[in-house]
Amino acid sequence: MQDTDAIDRTILSILSREARIPMKSLAGRIGLSRSATTERVNRLERAGVIRGYRADIGQLDDGQIHAFLLLTLKRTPSLDVLDHLAGFSAVRKVSSVSGQLDLVVEVEVGSINGLNELRDGISAMDNIEDLTTSIVLRRDIERS
């Protein structure tokens, strides 16, 4: 969507922090009527700029370990690797990146043993050249 203006960007900024804000409150904050605000939000949804609303759930279990697996592939693209990664329930997010790495895989496991088993399963795939793990010690800033 190319024709977003400052008001649309303000709406997106507010919704990214407060997805459940009532339309009346959103309208008041951006200085438009409720119907005009609703139409703008609907237009942003139809254009795919707003892809959905979600609950940002904090960590429920202190025993969970969050980590980033940094993957270098022997060849790209590799849809078979992506399909295989999608099969692991511990995989939360996979991003293709530029530079020396090919994929950044965000995972959440219940233990170090679980992390090691996941790493073993991923590194055994044919197209994996290198796998480096970074365990998250603390999340200092997190935005959705």
N, C-alpha and C. Protein backbone atom coordinates (compact mmCIF):
# COMPACT_ATOMS: atom_id res chain seq x y z
N MET A 1 0.86 -1.17 0.00
CA MET A 1 0.00 0.00 0.00
C MET A 1 0.89 1.22 0.00
N GLN A 2 0.80 2.02 -1.03
CA GLN A 2 1.72 3.13 -1.19
C GLN A 2 1.16 4.46 -0.69
N ASP A 3 -0.15 4.56 -0.55
CA ASP A 3 -0.72 5.85 -0.21
C ASP A 3 -1.05 6.00 1.27
N THR A 4 -0.17 5.55 2.15
CA THR A 4 -0.36 5.79 3.58
C THR A 4 0.13 7.19 3.90
N ASP A 5 -0.60 7.84 4.78
CA ASP A 5 -0.21 9.19 5.17
C ASP A 5 0.15 9.20 6.66
N ALA A 6 0.36 10.37 7.18
CA ALA A 6 0.79 10.50 8.58
C ALA A 6 -0.27 9.95 9.53
N ILE A 7 -1.53 10.13 9.20
CA ILE A 7 -2.59 9.61 10.08
C ILE A 7 -2.57 8.08 10.07
N ASP A 8 -2.41 7.48 8.88
CA ASP A 8 -2.31 6.01 8.82
C ASP A 8 -1.13 5.52 9.65
N ARG A 9 0.00 6.19 9.54
CA ARG A 9 1.18 5.77 10.31
C ARG A 9 0.94 5.93 11.81
N THR A 10 0.19 6.95 12.21
CA THR A 10 -0.15 7.12 13.62
C THR A 10 -1.06 5.98 14.08
N ILE A 11 -2.04 5.64 13.25
CA ILE A 11 -2.93 4.52 13.57
C ILE A 11 -2.12 3.25 13.75
N LEU A 12 -1.22 2.97 12.81
CA LEU A 12 -0.40 1.77 12.90
C LEU A 12 0.47 1.77 14.14
N SER A 13 1.01 2.91 14.48
CA SER A 13 1.85 3.01 15.67
C SER A 13 1.04 2.69 16.93
N ILE A 14 -0.14 3.26 17.01
CA ILE A 14 -0.99 3.02 18.19
C ILE A 14 -1.42 1.56 18.25
N LEU A 15 -1.88 1.02 17.11
CA LEU A 15 -2.36 -0.37 17.10
C LEU A 15 -1.24 -1.37 17.37
N SER A 16 -0.01 -1.03 17.00
CA SER A 16 1.09 -1.96 17.26
C SER A 16 1.37 -2.09 18.76
N ARG A 17 1.01 -1.06 19.51
CA ARG A 17 1.21 -1.11 20.96
C ARG A 17 -0.07 -1.49 21.71
N GLU A 18 -1.21 -1.11 21.14
CA GLU A 18 -2.49 -1.31 21.82
C GLU A 18 -3.51 -1.88 20.83
N ALA A 19 -3.35 -3.13 20.46
CA ALA A 19 -4.19 -3.75 19.43
C ALA A 19 -5.67 -3.78 19.81
N ARG A 20 -5.96 -3.77 21.09
CA ARG A 20 -7.36 -3.88 21.55
C ARG A 20 -7.99 -2.53 21.87
N ILE A 21 -7.37 -1.44 21.48
CA ILE A 21 -7.91 -0.12 21.77
C ILE A 21 -9.29 0.02 21.11
N PRO A 22 -10.28 0.51 21.84
CA PRO A 22 -11.59 0.72 21.23
C PRO A 22 -11.49 1.76 20.10
N MET A 23 -12.28 1.57 19.07
CA MET A 23 -12.24 2.46 17.91
C MET A 23 -12.53 3.90 18.32
N LYS A 24 -13.42 4.08 19.27
CA LYS A 24 -13.75 5.43 19.74
C LYS A 24 -12.51 6.10 20.35
N SER A 25 -11.76 5.36 21.14
CA SER A 25 -10.54 5.90 21.76
C SER A 25 -9.47 6.19 20.71
N LEU A 26 -9.33 5.27 19.74
CA LEU A 26 -8.37 5.49 18.66
C LEU A 26 -8.73 6.74 17.88
N ALA A 27 -10.01 6.90 17.56
CA ALA A 27 -10.47 8.08 16.82
C ALA A 27 -10.16 9.36 17.58
N GLY A 28 -10.41 9.36 18.89
CA GLY A 28 -10.12 10.53 19.70
C GLY A 28 -8.64 10.88 19.71
N ARG A 29 -7.79 9.87 19.72
CA ARG A 29 -6.35 10.12 19.76
C ARG A 29 -5.79 10.63 18.45
N ILE A 30 -6.42 10.28 17.32
CA ILE A 30 -5.90 10.75 16.04
C ILE A 30 -6.67 11.94 15.50
N GLY A 31 -7.76 12.31 16.18
CA GLY A 31 -8.50 13.51 15.79
C GLY A 31 -9.45 13.33 14.63
N LEU A 32 -9.94 12.12 14.42
CA LEU A 32 -10.93 11.86 13.37
C LEU A 32 -12.20 11.31 13.99
N SER A 33 -13.26 11.28 13.21
CA SER A 33 -14.50 10.67 13.68
C SER A 33 -14.31 9.16 13.77
N ARG A 34 -15.20 8.53 14.52
CA ARG A 34 -15.13 7.09 14.66
C ARG A 34 -15.31 6.39 13.32
N SER A 35 -16.25 6.87 12.51
CA SER A 35 -16.50 6.22 11.21
C SER A 35 -15.30 6.42 10.26
N ALA A 36 -14.68 7.58 10.27
CA ALA A 36 -13.51 7.81 9.42
C ALA A 36 -12.34 6.95 9.88
N THR A 37 -12.19 6.80 11.18
CA THR A 37 -11.12 5.96 11.72
C THR A 37 -11.36 4.50 11.37
N THR A 38 -12.60 4.06 11.52
CA THR A 38 -12.95 2.68 11.18
C THR A 38 -12.67 2.40 9.71
N GLU A 39 -13.03 3.34 8.83
CA GLU A 39 -12.77 3.17 7.40
C GLU A 39 -11.27 3.07 7.12
N ARG A 40 -10.47 3.89 7.78
CA ARG A 40 -9.01 3.83 7.58
C ARG A 40 -8.45 2.49 8.05
N VAL A 41 -8.88 2.03 9.21
CA VAL A 41 -8.41 0.74 9.73
C VAL A 41 -8.83 -0.38 8.79
N ASN A 42 -10.08 -0.35 8.32
CA ASN A 42 -10.55 -1.37 7.38
C ASN A 42 -9.74 -1.35 6.09
N ARG A 43 -9.41 -0.17 5.59
CA ARG A 43 -8.62 -0.04 4.36
C ARG A 43 -7.22 -0.61 4.58
N LEU A 44 -6.61 -0.34 5.74
CA LEU A 44 -5.29 -0.89 6.05
C LEU A 44 -5.34 -2.41 6.17
N GLU A 45 -6.43 -2.94 6.70
CA GLU A 45 -6.60 -4.39 6.78
C GLU A 45 -6.75 -5.00 5.39
N ARG A 46 -7.61 -4.41 4.56
CA ARG A 46 -7.83 -4.94 3.20
C ARG A 46 -6.55 -4.90 2.37
N ALA A 47 -5.73 -3.88 2.58
CA ALA A 47 -4.48 -3.75 1.83
C ALA A 47 -3.39 -4.68 2.35
N GLY A 48 -3.64 -5.35 3.47
CA GLY A 48 -2.65 -6.26 4.02
C GLY A 48 -1.59 -5.58 4.87
N VAL A 49 -1.76 -4.29 5.12
CA VAL A 49 -0.81 -3.59 6.00
C VAL A 49 -1.02 -4.08 7.43
N ILE A 50 -2.27 -4.17 7.83
CA ILE A 50 -2.61 -4.78 9.12
C ILE A 50 -2.98 -6.22 8.80
N ARG A 51 -2.13 -7.16 9.23
CA ARG A 51 -2.34 -8.56 8.90
C ARG A 51 -3.07 -9.32 9.99
N GLY A 52 -3.24 -8.70 11.13
CA GLY A 52 -3.96 -9.38 12.21
C GLY A 52 -3.69 -8.70 13.53
N TYR A 53 -4.40 -9.17 14.52
CA TYR A 53 -4.25 -8.66 15.88
C TYR A 53 -3.90 -9.85 16.74
N ARG A 54 -3.06 -9.65 17.72
CA ARG A 54 -2.64 -10.78 18.52
C ARG A 54 -2.44 -10.36 19.96
N ALA A 55 -2.46 -11.35 20.81
CA ALA A 55 -2.13 -11.14 22.21
C ALA A 55 -0.63 -11.35 22.35
N ASP A 56 0.04 -10.44 23.00
CA ASP A 56 1.47 -10.58 23.25
C ASP A 56 1.61 -11.22 24.62
N ILE A 57 1.81 -12.52 24.63
CA ILE A 57 1.83 -13.29 25.87
C ILE A 57 3.24 -13.28 26.45
N GLY A 58 3.33 -12.89 27.69
CA GLY A 58 4.62 -12.92 28.37
C GLY A 58 5.01 -14.35 28.67
N GLN A 59 6.20 -14.52 29.13
CA GLN A 59 6.70 -15.86 29.43
C GLN A 59 5.87 -16.45 30.57
N LEU A 60 5.25 -17.58 30.31
CA LEU A 60 4.40 -18.22 31.30
C LEU A 60 5.19 -19.08 32.27
N ASP A 61 6.26 -19.65 31.79
CA ASP A 61 7.02 -20.60 32.58
C ASP A 61 8.47 -20.12 32.66
N ASP A 62 8.94 -19.87 33.87
CA ASP A 62 10.32 -19.43 34.03
C ASP A 62 11.32 -20.47 33.56
N GLY A 63 10.89 -21.70 33.39
CA GLY A 63 11.77 -22.77 32.96
C GLY A 63 12.02 -22.79 31.46
N GLN A 64 11.38 -21.92 30.71
CA GLN A 64 11.56 -21.91 29.26
C GLN A 64 12.88 -21.25 28.88
N ILE A 65 13.54 -21.83 27.90
CA ILE A 65 14.79 -21.29 27.38
C ILE A 65 14.53 -20.78 25.98
N HIS A 66 14.86 -19.52 25.75
CA HIS A 66 14.73 -18.91 24.43
C HIS A 66 16.12 -18.83 23.82
N ALA A 67 16.22 -19.14 22.55
CA ALA A 67 17.52 -19.10 21.88
C ALA A 67 17.33 -18.74 20.41
N PHE A 68 18.41 -18.28 19.81
CA PHE A 68 18.47 -18.03 18.38
C PHE A 68 19.46 -19.03 17.79
N LEU A 69 19.02 -19.75 16.78
CA LEU A 69 19.91 -20.64 16.05
C LEU A 69 20.27 -19.93 14.75
N LEU A 70 21.55 -19.73 14.54
CA LEU A 70 22.04 -19.00 13.38
C LEU A 70 22.56 -20.02 12.38
N LEU A 71 21.87 -20.14 11.24
CA LEU A 71 22.16 -21.21 10.29
C LEU A 71 22.82 -20.67 9.03
N THR A 72 23.84 -21.39 8.59
CA THR A 72 24.43 -21.17 7.28
C THR A 72 24.13 -22.41 6.46
N LEU A 73 23.60 -22.20 5.27
CA LEU A 73 23.22 -23.32 4.41
C LEU A 73 24.28 -23.57 3.35
N LYS A 74 24.34 -24.79 2.86
CA LYS A 74 25.27 -25.13 1.79
C LYS A 74 24.82 -24.50 0.47
N ARG A 75 23.49 -24.42 0.28
CA ARG A 75 22.95 -23.78 -0.92
C ARG A 75 21.60 -23.18 -0.56
N THR A 76 21.28 -22.10 -1.25
CA THR A 76 19.99 -21.43 -1.05
C THR A 76 19.33 -21.23 -2.39
N PRO A 77 18.03 -21.10 -2.44
CA PRO A 77 17.09 -21.28 -1.33
C PRO A 77 16.96 -22.76 -0.99
N SER A 78 16.40 -23.02 0.17
CA SER A 78 16.27 -24.41 0.62
C SER A 78 14.91 -24.60 1.28
N LEU A 79 13.91 -24.84 0.46
CA LEU A 79 12.56 -25.03 0.97
C LEU A 79 12.44 -26.27 1.84
N ASP A 80 13.26 -27.28 1.55
CA ASP A 80 13.21 -28.50 2.37
C ASP A 80 13.65 -28.20 3.81
N VAL A 81 14.62 -27.31 3.98
CA VAL A 81 15.05 -26.93 5.33
C VAL A 81 13.91 -26.19 6.03
N LEU A 82 13.26 -25.26 5.33
CA LEU A 82 12.15 -24.53 5.93
C LEU A 82 11.01 -25.47 6.30
N ASP A 83 10.70 -26.42 5.43
CA ASP A 83 9.65 -27.40 5.74
C ASP A 83 10.02 -28.22 6.96
N HIS A 84 11.28 -28.62 7.05
CA HIS A 84 11.74 -29.41 8.19
C HIS A 84 11.67 -28.59 9.48
N LEU A 85 12.11 -27.33 9.42
CA LEU A 85 12.06 -26.46 10.60
C LEU A 85 10.63 -26.26 11.08
N ALA A 86 9.69 -26.14 10.14
CA ALA A 86 8.29 -25.94 10.50
C ALA A 86 7.74 -27.13 11.28
N GLY A 87 8.36 -28.28 11.14
CA GLY A 87 7.91 -29.47 11.85
C GLY A 87 8.31 -29.53 13.32
N PHE A 88 9.21 -28.66 13.74
CA PHE A 88 9.64 -28.63 15.14
C PHE A 88 8.73 -27.68 15.92
N SER A 89 8.05 -28.19 16.94
CA SER A 89 7.14 -27.34 17.72
C SER A 89 7.89 -26.26 18.50
N ALA A 90 9.16 -26.46 18.77
CA ALA A 90 9.95 -25.47 19.52
C ALA A 90 10.32 -24.26 18.67
N VAL A 91 10.22 -24.38 17.35
CA VAL A 91 10.57 -23.26 16.46
C VAL A 91 9.44 -22.24 16.49
N ARG A 92 9.79 -21.01 16.86
CA ARG A 92 8.81 -19.93 16.96
C ARG A 92 8.81 -19.01 15.74
N LYS A 93 9.99 -18.80 15.17
CA LYS A 93 10.10 -17.87 14.05
C LYS A 93 11.33 -18.21 13.25
N VAL A 94 11.22 -18.11 11.92
CA VAL A 94 12.36 -18.33 11.04
C VAL A 94 12.45 -17.13 10.11
N SER A 95 13.62 -16.52 10.04
CA SER A 95 13.83 -15.36 9.18
C SER A 95 15.01 -15.62 8.25
N SER A 96 14.80 -15.37 6.95
CA SER A 96 15.90 -15.40 6.00
C SER A 96 16.59 -14.04 6.10
N VAL A 97 17.91 -14.05 6.19
CA VAL A 97 18.65 -12.80 6.37
C VAL A 97 19.76 -12.69 5.35
N SER A 98 20.23 -11.46 5.17
CA SER A 98 21.36 -11.24 4.26
C SER A 98 22.66 -11.33 5.04
N GLY A 99 23.76 -11.47 4.33
CA GLY A 99 25.06 -11.52 4.98
C GLY A 99 25.59 -12.94 5.02
N GLN A 100 26.46 -13.20 5.98
CA GLN A 100 27.10 -14.51 6.07
C GLN A 100 26.14 -15.61 6.52
N LEU A 101 25.13 -15.25 7.29
CA LEU A 101 24.12 -16.22 7.72
C LEU A 101 23.04 -16.34 6.66
N ASP A 102 22.29 -17.42 6.71
CA ASP A 102 21.16 -17.58 5.81
C ASP A 102 19.82 -17.52 6.55
N LEU A 103 19.77 -18.14 7.73
CA LEU A 103 18.53 -18.19 8.50
C LEU A 103 18.80 -17.88 9.97
N VAL A 104 17.87 -17.16 10.58
CA VAL A 104 17.86 -16.97 12.02
C VAL A 104 16.58 -17.64 12.52
N VAL A 105 16.76 -18.62 13.39
CA VAL A 105 15.65 -19.42 13.88
C VAL A 105 15.47 -19.13 15.37
N GLU A 106 14.33 -18.60 15.74
CA GLU A 106 14.04 -18.34 17.14
C GLU A 106 13.31 -19.54 17.71
N VAL A 107 13.82 -20.06 18.82
CA VAL A 107 13.25 -21.28 19.42
C VAL A 107 12.95 -21.07 20.90
N GLU A 108 12.07 -21.92 21.40
CA GLU A 108 11.73 -21.92 22.82
C GLU A 108 11.63 -23.38 23.26
N VAL A 109 12.45 -23.74 24.23
CA VAL A 109 12.50 -25.13 24.71
C VAL A 109 12.40 -25.15 26.24
N GLY A 110 12.15 -26.32 26.77
CA GLY A 110 11.98 -26.44 28.21
C GLY A 110 13.25 -26.69 28.98
N SER A 111 14.33 -27.06 28.29
CA SER A 111 15.56 -27.39 29.00
C SER A 111 16.75 -27.29 28.05
N ILE A 112 17.93 -27.31 28.63
CA ILE A 112 19.15 -27.35 27.82
C ILE A 112 19.20 -28.65 27.02
N ASN A 113 18.77 -29.74 27.64
CA ASN A 113 18.72 -31.01 26.91
C ASN A 113 17.80 -30.90 25.70
N GLY A 114 16.66 -30.24 25.88
CA GLY A 114 15.74 -30.03 24.77
C GLY A 114 16.37 -29.20 23.67
N LEU A 115 17.14 -28.19 24.07
CA LEU A 115 17.83 -27.35 23.09
C LEU A 115 18.88 -28.18 22.34
N ASN A 116 19.62 -29.00 23.06
CA ASN A 116 20.63 -29.85 22.42
C ASN A 116 19.99 -30.85 21.44
N GLU A 117 18.86 -31.42 21.83
CA GLU A 117 18.17 -32.35 20.93
C GLU A 117 17.68 -31.63 19.68
N LEU A 118 17.16 -30.43 19.85
CA LEU A 118 16.70 -29.64 18.70
C LEU A 118 17.87 -29.30 17.79
N ARG A 119 18.97 -28.86 18.39
CA ARG A 119 20.17 -28.55 17.60
C ARG A 119 20.65 -29.78 16.82
N ASP A 120 20.66 -30.93 17.48
CA ASP A 120 21.09 -32.17 16.82
C ASP A 120 20.18 -32.49 15.63
N GLY A 121 18.88 -32.33 15.83
CA GLY A 121 17.94 -32.62 14.76
C GLY A 121 18.10 -31.69 13.57
N ILE A 122 18.38 -30.42 13.85
CA ILE A 122 18.54 -29.44 12.77
C ILE A 122 19.88 -29.61 12.08
N SER A 123 20.94 -29.78 12.85
CA SER A 123 22.27 -29.89 12.25
C SER A 123 22.44 -31.16 11.42
N ALA A 124 21.59 -32.16 11.65
CA ALA A 124 21.67 -33.41 10.89
C ALA A 124 21.08 -33.28 9.48
N MET A 125 20.39 -32.18 9.21
CA MET A 125 19.82 -31.99 7.88
C MET A 125 20.93 -31.82 6.85
N ASP A 126 20.70 -32.35 5.66
CA ASP A 126 21.71 -32.37 4.60
C ASP A 126 22.24 -30.99 4.22
N ASN A 127 21.40 -29.99 4.17
CA ASN A 127 21.80 -28.69 3.63
C ASN A 127 22.35 -27.72 4.68
N ILE A 128 22.54 -28.18 5.91
CA ILE A 128 23.06 -27.30 6.96
C ILE A 128 24.58 -27.35 6.94
N GLU A 129 25.19 -26.19 6.71
CA GLU A 129 26.65 -26.10 6.73
C GLU A 129 27.16 -25.77 8.12
N ASP A 130 26.48 -24.84 8.80
CA ASP A 130 26.94 -24.43 10.13
C ASP A 130 25.74 -24.01 10.96
N LEU A 131 25.81 -24.27 12.26
CA LEU A 131 24.76 -23.88 13.19
C LEU A 131 25.42 -23.31 14.44
N THR A 132 25.08 -22.08 14.77
CA THR A 132 25.58 -21.43 15.98
C THR A 132 24.38 -21.09 16.85
N THR A 133 24.52 -21.26 18.15
CA THR A 133 23.41 -21.01 19.07
C THR A 133 23.74 -19.83 19.98
N SER A 134 22.76 -18.95 20.12
CA SER A 134 22.84 -17.85 21.09
C SER A 134 21.63 -17.95 22.00
N ILE A 135 21.88 -18.19 23.28
CA ILE A 135 20.79 -18.29 24.26
C ILE A 135 20.46 -16.89 24.75
N VAL A 136 19.15 -16.60 24.81
CA VAL A 136 18.69 -15.30 25.28
C VAL A 136 18.80 -15.27 26.80
N LEU A 137 19.57 -14.33 27.31
CA LEU A 137 19.73 -14.19 28.76
C LEU A 137 18.62 -13.33 29.36
N ARG A 138 18.22 -12.30 28.61
CA ARG A 138 17.19 -11.39 29.10
C ARG A 138 16.66 -10.62 27.90
N ARG A 139 15.37 -10.31 27.90
CA ARG A 139 14.79 -9.46 26.87
C ARG A 139 14.66 -8.07 27.47
N ASP A 140 15.46 -7.16 26.98
CA ASP A 140 15.48 -5.81 27.52
C ASP A 140 14.39 -4.93 26.92
N ILE A 141 14.17 -5.06 25.63
CA ILE A 141 13.11 -4.33 24.94
C ILE A 141 12.43 -5.30 24.00
N GLU A 142 11.11 -5.36 24.03
CA GLU A 142 10.38 -6.25 23.14
C GLU A 142 9.13 -5.54 22.66
N ARG A 143 9.05 -5.38 21.38
CA ARG A 143 7.86 -4.78 20.76
C ARG A 143 7.31 -5.77 19.75
N SER A 144 6.02 -5.67 19.52
CA SER A 144 5.44 -6.56 18.51
C SER A 144 5.37 -5.87 17.18
